[in-house]
């Protein structure tokens, strides 16, 4: 990583350099039982995130990561180069869905696609970009879909 916290050598894309349909793929993050339980104990203390035996009796049939844990891992992967936009990821709104559970031992990565680009009329130094982000596991199954509206600057 360089001094700004970005991976060294990662190209940053500004508003005028983006195209509808442009795709980005992140690095990976491996989950384990300890991470799942640690996140859940602090932020989402429900039995299917904390206790294997109790989780086995739920509709999940076993321990699963919190959706918010998956969202947090997604954000990290995007910030580490999976969505190399302008000066970083500046959110203006998000919609998120979890079509299947994330499990301990899943290895996650994010595939993102630029869906919309709208230059600002009132702020010529920036615009809005809609980015659809699919978080996928090692079998390429989608565990989270996030559609984010992001503020992206123009190159100065």
Foldseek 3Di string as FASTA:
>chain_A
DDPLLEPPPFDADFQVRDDAFDKFKFDKDAFALVLQQVCCVVPNVDCLSHPQVVVCPDPLNGRFHPPVSVVVVQQVRCQHRRVRFASGWAFDDKDKDFPHTHHHGWMKMKMKGWHDWAQDPVDNQWTKTWIWIFIATPVRHGGMIMITITIGTHDD
